[in-house]
C-alpha atoms as a PDB file:
ATOM      1  CA  MET A   1      80.649   0.980  64.022  1.00  0.00           C
ATOM      2  CA  PRO A   2      80.325  -1.113  60.614  1.00  0.00           C
ATOM      3  CA  GLU A   3      78.133  -3.716  62.373  1.00  0.00           C
ATOM      4  CA  VAL A   4      75.688  -1.554  63.263  1.00  0.00           C
ATOM      5  CA  GLU A   5      75.629   0.064  59.814  1.00  0.00           C
ATOM      6  CA  THR A   6      74.936  -3.329  58.393  1.00  0.00           C
ATOM      7  CA  LEU A   7      72.381  -4.009  61.159  1.00  0.00           C
ATOM      8  CA  ILE A   8      70.498  -0.696  60.067  1.00  0.00           C
ATOM      9  CA  ALA A   9      70.901  -1.521  56.363  1.00  0.00           C
ATOM     10  CA  LYS A  10      69.537  -5.278  56.979  1.00  0.00           C
ATOM     11  CA  VAL A  11      66.624  -3.483  59.241  1.00  0.00           C
ATOM     12  CA  GLN A  12      65.770  -0.835  56.337  1.00  0.00           C
ATOM     13  CA  GLU A  13      65.327  -4.063  54.050  1.00  0.00           C
ATOM     14  CA  GLY A  14      62.907  -5.897  56.213  1.00  0.00           C
ATOM     15  CA  ASP A  15      65.039  -7.933  58.195  1.00  0.00           C
ATOM     16  CA  THR A  16      63.594  -8.282  61.874  1.00  0.00           C
ATOM     17  CA  SER A  17      66.108 -10.407  62.987  1.00  0.00           C
ATOM     18  CA  ALA A  18      68.544  -7.602  62.730  1.00  0.00           C
ATOM     19  CA  PHE A  19      66.452  -5.193  64.533  1.00  0.00           C
ATOM     20  CA  GLU A  20      66.443  -8.013  67.672  1.00  0.00           C
ATOM     21  CA  GLU A  21      70.294  -7.728  67.117  1.00  0.00           C
ATOM     22  CA  LEU A  22      70.435  -3.922  67.345  1.00  0.00           C
ATOM     23  CA  VAL A  23      68.202  -4.206  70.274  1.00  0.00           C
ATOM     24  CA  MET A  24      70.433  -6.007  72.064  1.00  0.00           C
ATOM     25  CA  LEU A  25      73.387  -4.184  71.312  1.00  0.00           C
ATOM     26  CA  TYR A  26      71.656  -0.828  72.534  1.00  0.00           C
ATOM     27  CA  LYS A  27      69.112  -2.037  75.379  1.00  0.00           C
ATOM     28  CA  ASP A  28      71.561  -1.116  78.514  1.00  0.00           C
ATOM     29  CA  LYS A  29      72.244   2.302  76.855  1.00  0.00           C
ATOM     30  CA  VAL A  30      68.822   3.296  76.087  1.00  0.00           C
ATOM     31  CA  TYR A  31      67.344   1.884  79.364  1.00  0.00           C
ATOM     32  CA  SER A  32      70.075   3.888  81.154  1.00  0.00           C
ATOM     33  CA  LEU A  33      69.164   7.025  79.508  1.00  0.00           C
ATOM     34  CA  ALA A  34      65.395   5.964  80.272  1.00  0.00           C
ATOM     35  CA  LEU A  35      65.965   5.364  83.697  1.00  0.00           C
ATOM     36  CA  THR A  36      68.084   8.593  84.274  1.00  0.00           C
ATOM     37  CA  LEU A  37      65.260  10.851  82.765  1.00  0.00           C
ATOM     38  CA  THR A  38      62.317   8.878  84.490  1.00  0.00           C
ATOM     39  CA  GLY A  39      64.071   8.376  87.784  1.00  0.00           C
ATOM     40  CA  ASN A  40      62.445   4.853  88.161  1.00  0.00           C
ATOM     41  CA  HIS A  41      62.552   1.317  87.106  1.00  0.00           C
ATOM     42  CA  VAL A  42      59.032   0.902  85.726  1.00  0.00           C
ATOM     43  CA  ASP A  43      58.555   4.376  84.159  1.00  0.00           C
ATOM     44  CA  ALA A  44      62.320   3.506  82.498  1.00  0.00           C
ATOM     45  CA  GLU A  45      61.091   0.120  81.352  1.00  0.00           C
ATOM     46  CA  ASP A  46      57.724   1.805  79.588  1.00  0.00           C
ATOM     47  CA  LEU A  47      60.076   4.577  78.086  1.00  0.00           C
ATOM     48  CA  THR A  48      62.841   1.980  76.779  1.00  0.00           C
ATOM     49  CA  GLN A  49      59.847   0.015  74.959  1.00  0.00           C
ATOM     50  CA  GLU A  50      58.487   3.475  73.632  1.00  0.00           C
ATOM     51  CA  ILE A  51      61.908   4.184  72.117  1.00  0.00           C
ATOM     52  CA  PHE A  52      62.726   0.892  70.791  1.00  0.00           C
ATOM     53  CA  PHE A  53      59.403   0.985  68.946  1.00  0.00           C
ATOM     54  CA  LYS A  54      59.793   4.284  67.557  1.00  0.00           C
ATOM     55  CA  ILE A  55      63.227   3.473  66.739  1.00  0.00           C
ATOM     56  CA  TYR A  56      61.890   0.322  64.466  1.00  0.00           C
ATOM     57  CA  ILE A  57      59.118   2.784  63.099  1.00  0.00           C
ATOM     58  CA  SER A  58      61.610   5.557  62.025  1.00  0.00           C
ATOM     59  CA  LEU A  59      64.362   3.514  61.232  1.00  0.00           C
ATOM     60  CA  PRO A  60      63.596   3.473  57.442  1.00  0.00           C
ATOM     61  CA  GLU A  61      64.234   7.278  57.777  1.00  0.00           C
ATOM     62  CA  PHE A  62      67.428   7.249  59.128  1.00  0.00           C
ATOM     63  CA  ALA A  63      69.899   8.101  56.607  1.00  0.00           C
ATOM     64  CA  GLN A  64      73.327   6.434  57.245  1.00  0.00           C
ATOM     65  CA  GLY A  65      76.397   8.881  56.999  1.00  0.00           C
ATOM     66  CA  LYS A  66      74.349  11.727  57.998  1.00  0.00           C
ATOM     67  CA  GLY A  67      74.833  11.437  61.871  1.00  0.00           C
ATOM     68  CA  SER A  68      75.661   9.007  64.281  1.00  0.00           C
ATOM     69  CA  PHE A  69      73.206   6.524  64.990  1.00  0.00           C
ATOM     70  CA  GLU A  70      73.768   6.459  68.920  1.00  0.00           C
ATOM     71  CA  ALA A  71      72.894  10.462  68.951  1.00  0.00           C
ATOM     72  CA  TRP A  72      69.846   9.728  66.839  1.00  0.00           C
ATOM     73  CA  VAL A  73      68.882   7.146  69.263  1.00  0.00           C
ATOM     74  CA  HIS A  74      69.494   9.643  72.088  1.00  0.00           C
ATOM     75  CA  ARG A  75      67.708  12.540  70.496  1.00  0.00           C
ATOM     76  CA  MET A  76      64.849  10.289  70.166  1.00  0.00           C
ATOM     77  CA  GLY A  77      64.822   9.107  73.413  1.00  0.00           C
ATOM     78  CA  VAL A  78      65.076  12.802  74.963  1.00  0.00           C
ATOM     79  CA  ASN A  79      61.984  13.748  72.511  1.00  0.00           C
ATOM     80  CA  LEU A  80      59.942  10.851  73.744  1.00  0.00           C
ATOM     81  CA  TRP A  81      60.801  11.743  77.287  1.00  0.00           C
ATOM     82  CA  ILE A  82      59.527  15.339  76.613  1.00  0.00           C
ATOM     83  CA  ASP A  83      56.123  13.800  75.552  1.00  0.00           C
ATOM     84  CA  TRP A  84      55.974  10.895  78.049  1.00  0.00           C
ATOM     85  CA  TRP A  85      56.660  13.928  80.487  1.00  0.00           C
ATOM     86  CA  ARG A  86      54.067  16.517  79.179  1.00  0.00           C
ATOM     87  CA  ARG A  87      51.338  13.467  79.423  1.00  0.00           C
ATOM     88  CA  ARG A  88      52.083  13.003  82.913  1.00  0.00           C
ATOM     89  CA  ARG A  89      51.674  16.747  83.771  1.00  0.00           C
ATOM     90  CA  LYS A  90      54.003  16.673  86.502  1.00  0.00           C
ATOM     91  CA  ILE A  91      57.596  17.411  87.172  1.00  0.00           C
ATOM     92  CA  ARG A  92      59.559  14.280  88.441  1.00  0.00           C
ATOM     93  CA  SER A  93      63.141  14.391  89.931  1.00  0.00           C
ATOM     94  CA  PHE A  94      65.998  12.775  88.136  1.00  0.00           C
ATOM     95  CA  SER A  95      67.584  10.092  89.767  1.00  0.00           C
ATOM     96  CA  LEU A  96      70.843   8.294  89.151  1.00  0.00           C
ATOM     97  CA  GLU A  97      70.702   6.227  92.157  1.00  0.00           C
ATOM     98  CA  GLY A  98      69.232   3.228  90.070  1.00  0.00           C
ATOM     99  CA  VAL A  99      71.848   3.673  87.275  1.00  0.00           C
ATOM    100  CA  MET A 100      74.348   3.692  90.018  1.00  0.00           C
ATOM    101  CA  ASP A 101      73.190   0.704  91.645  1.00  0.00           C
ATOM    102  CA  SER A 102      72.915  -1.406  88.511  1.00  0.00           C
ATOM    103  CA  LYS A 103      76.646  -0.138  87.397  1.00  0.00           C
ATOM    104  CA  GLU A 104      78.078  -1.478  91.110  1.00  0.00           C
ATOM    105  CA  GLU A 105      77.451  -4.682  90.023  1.00  0.00           C
ATOM    106  CA  GLY A 106      79.711  -4.544  87.022  1.00  0.00           C
ATOM    107  CA  GLY A 107      82.191  -2.293  88.645  1.00  0.00           C
ATOM    108  CA  LYS A 108      81.659   1.314  86.665  1.00  0.00           C
ATOM    109  CA  TRP A 109      80.422   3.419  89.672  1.00  0.00           C
ATOM    110  CA  GLU A 110      82.419   1.377  92.505  1.00  0.00           C
ATOM    111  CA  ILE A 111      85.778   2.649  93.401  1.00  0.00           C
ATOM    112  CA  PRO A 112      87.961  -0.050  93.998  1.00  0.00           C
ATOM    113  CA  ASP A 113      89.251  -0.675  97.308  1.00  0.00           C
ATOM    114  CA  ASP A 114      92.990  -1.590  97.491  1.00  0.00           C
ATOM    115  CA  LYS A 115      92.778  -2.460 101.449  1.00  0.00           C
ATOM    116  CA  ASP A 116      89.991  -3.728 103.724  1.00  0.00           C
ATOM    117  CA  ASP A 117      89.559  -0.576 105.431  1.00  0.00           C
ATOM    118  CA  VAL A 118      85.780   0.029 106.595  1.00  0.00           C
ATOM    119  CA  GLN A 119      86.237   3.634 107.161  1.00  0.00           C
ATOM    120  CA  GLU A 120      87.949   4.490 103.567  1.00  0.00           C
ATOM    121  CA  THR A 121      84.873   2.328 102.306  1.00  0.00           C
ATOM    122  CA  VAL A 122      82.546   3.868 104.207  1.00  0.00           C
ATOM    123  CA  ALA A 123      83.640   7.355 103.294  1.00  0.00           C
ATOM    124  CA  LYS A 124      83.642   6.517  99.617  1.00  0.00           C
ATOM    125  CA  ARG A 125      80.231   5.557  99.778  1.00  0.00           C
ATOM    126  CA  GLU A 126      79.184   8.885 101.578  1.00  0.00           C
ATOM    127  CA  PHE A 127      81.303  10.793  98.832  1.00  0.00           C
ATOM    128  CA  TRP A 128      78.932   9.213  96.091  1.00  0.00           C
ATOM    129  CA  ARG A 129      76.178   9.754  97.821  1.00  0.00           C
ATOM    130  CA  ALA A 130      76.897  13.429  98.341  1.00  0.00           C
ATOM    131  CA  VAL A 131      78.006  13.492  94.689  1.00  0.00           C
ATOM    132  CA  TRP A 132      74.474  11.977  93.420  1.00  0.00           C
ATOM    133  CA  LYS A 133      72.433  14.354  95.604  1.00  0.00           C
ATOM    134  CA  ALA A 134      74.462  17.403  94.185  1.00  0.00           C
ATOM    135  CA  TYR A 135      73.715  15.847  91.035  1.00  0.00           C
ATOM    136  CA  ARG A 136      70.183  15.652  91.709  1.00  0.00           C
ATOM    137  CA  GLU A 137      69.670  19.362  92.681  1.00  0.00           C
ATOM    138  CA  LEU A 138      71.338  20.642  89.433  1.00  0.00           C
ATOM    139  CA  PRO A 139      68.845  21.980  86.870  1.00  0.00           C
ATOM    140  CA  GLU A 140      67.576  19.687  84.597  1.00  0.00           C
ATOM    141  CA  SER A 141      69.029  20.726  81.350  1.00  0.00           C
ATOM    142  CA  TYR A 142      72.276  20.764  83.259  1.00  0.00           C
ATOM    143  CA  ARG A 143      71.749  16.986  84.587  1.00  0.00           C
ATOM    144  CA  LEU A 144      70.783  15.799  81.221  1.00  0.00           C
ATOM    145  CA  THR A 145      73.910  17.386  79.416  1.00  0.00           C
ATOM    146  CA  LEU A 146      76.191  16.154  82.064  1.00  0.00           C
ATOM    147  CA  LYS A 147      74.785  12.481  81.840  1.00  0.00           C
ATOM    148  CA  LEU A 148      75.216  12.530  78.147  1.00  0.00           C
ATOM    149  CA  ARG A 149      78.909  13.161  78.611  1.00  0.00           C
ATOM    150  CA  ALA A 150      80.123  11.724  81.483  1.00  0.00           C
ATOM    151  CA  ILE A 151      78.119   8.738  81.587  1.00  0.00           C
ATOM    152  CA  ASP A 152      77.107   8.279  78.103  1.00  0.00           C
ATOM    153  CA  GLU A 153      80.806   9.365  76.975  1.00  0.00           C
ATOM    154  CA  LEU A 154      79.013  11.202  74.045  1.00  0.00           C
ATOM    155  CA  SER A 155      81.205  13.777  72.296  1.00  0.00           C
ATOM    156  CA  TYR A 156      80.263  17.449  71.880  1.00  0.00           C
ATOM    157  CA  LYS A 157      79.173  16.933  68.817  1.00  0.00           C
ATOM    158  CA  GLU A 158      77.046  14.030  69.576  1.00  0.00           C
ATOM    159  CA  ILE A 159      75.415  15.857  72.762  1.00  0.00           C
ATOM    160  CA  ALA A 160      74.691  19.021  70.192  1.00  0.00           C
ATOM    161  CA  ALA A 161      72.926  16.617  67.942  1.00  0.00           C
ATOM    162  CA  THR A 162      71.160  15.015  70.507  1.00  0.00           C
ATOM    163  CA  LEU A 163      69.920  17.994  72.155  1.00  0.00           C
ATOM    164  CA  GLY A 164      69.491  20.140  69.069  1.00  0.00           C
ATOM    165  CA  GLU A 165      71.976  22.779  70.176  1.00  0.00           C
ATOM    166  CA  SER A 166      75.354  24.426  68.899  1.00  0.00           C
ATOM    167  CA  GLU A 167      78.523  22.677  70.331  1.00  0.00           C
ATOM    168  CA  ALA A 168      79.390  26.004  72.084  1.00  0.00           C
ATOM    169  CA  ALA A 169      76.218  25.987  74.005  1.00  0.00           C
ATOM    170  CA  VAL A 170      76.848  22.499  75.314  1.00  0.00           C
ATOM    171  CA  LYS A 171      80.233  23.062  76.246  1.00  0.00           C
ATOM    172  CA  SER A 172      78.926  26.451  78.050  1.00  0.00           C
ATOM    173  CA  ARG A 173      76.288  24.263  79.918  1.00  0.00           C
ATOM    174  CA  LEU A 174      78.965  21.466  80.784  1.00  0.00           C
ATOM    175  CA  ASN A 175      81.044  23.840  82.384  1.00  0.00           C
ATOM    176  CA  ARG A 176      78.468  25.327  84.488  1.00  0.00           C
ATOM    177  CA  SER A 177      77.237  21.958  85.327  1.00  0.00           C
ATOM    178  CA  ARG A 178      80.569  21.305  86.631  1.00  0.00           C
ATOM    179  CA  GLN A 179      80.827  24.681  88.365  1.00  0.00           C
ATOM    180  CA  LEU A 180      77.709  24.280  90.123  1.00  0.00           C
ATOM    181  CA  LEU A 181      78.461  20.483  90.958  1.00  0.00           C
ATOM    182  CA  LYS A 182      82.035  21.423  92.457  1.00  0.00           C
ATOM    183  CA  GLU A 183      79.982  24.250  94.722  1.00  0.00           C
ATOM    184  CA  LYS A 184      77.665  22.013  95.823  1.00  0.00           C
ATOM    185  CA  LEU A 185      80.175  19.437  97.102  1.00  0.00           C
ATOM    186  CA  LYS A 186      82.367  22.272  98.539  1.00  0.00           C
ATOM    187  CA  SER A 187      79.318  23.493 100.532  1.00  0.00           C
ATOM    188  CA  LEU A 188      79.079  19.671 102.034  1.00  0.00           C
ATOM    189  CA  GLY A 189      82.488  19.744 103.146  1.00  0.00           C
ATOM    190  CA  TYR A 190      83.865  17.387 100.133  1.00  0.00           C
ATOM    191  CA  LEU A 191      86.115  19.923  98.065  1.00  0.00           C
ATOM    192  CA  SER A 192      88.176  22.592  99.575  1.00  0.00           C
END
């Protein structure tokens, strides 16, 4: 994205208004990542601030052309979350319900209704609740990899860079996470 590269160059030259523009471009993606990782809005807001602070401090070292800025931001977010999680010393479960609620307003998670059929609408909502329940039961590494691919729509290469792993490992984990998700949905009676 040429606009992003231009903004990065300006920030690296000391232009703070360019950083504000970068924040505006990435605030929703960073917040979504933080919410997925922390599982609640309050901690997600705190983590989002930490991520943007770290981006501002570290941006002079970001080398354009040596990787995706978005993958770099995701990697930074994951690393900060790991530090955040260690500081709290307790395991928290991931939740995409907050992400789902915020996306419903924009229509991304809501399945459009062609009819005014109440039973169909209820069935769809029950199905999506089952999907999120099954998702939350996946191992942490599977949830994160699946989130980066399905929600953030990162490429295998970008996910590999974000997680510091090979593309083959990412593809394998995605395949296994999808299989586990299908198994869980079958056990709940949603797939045959």
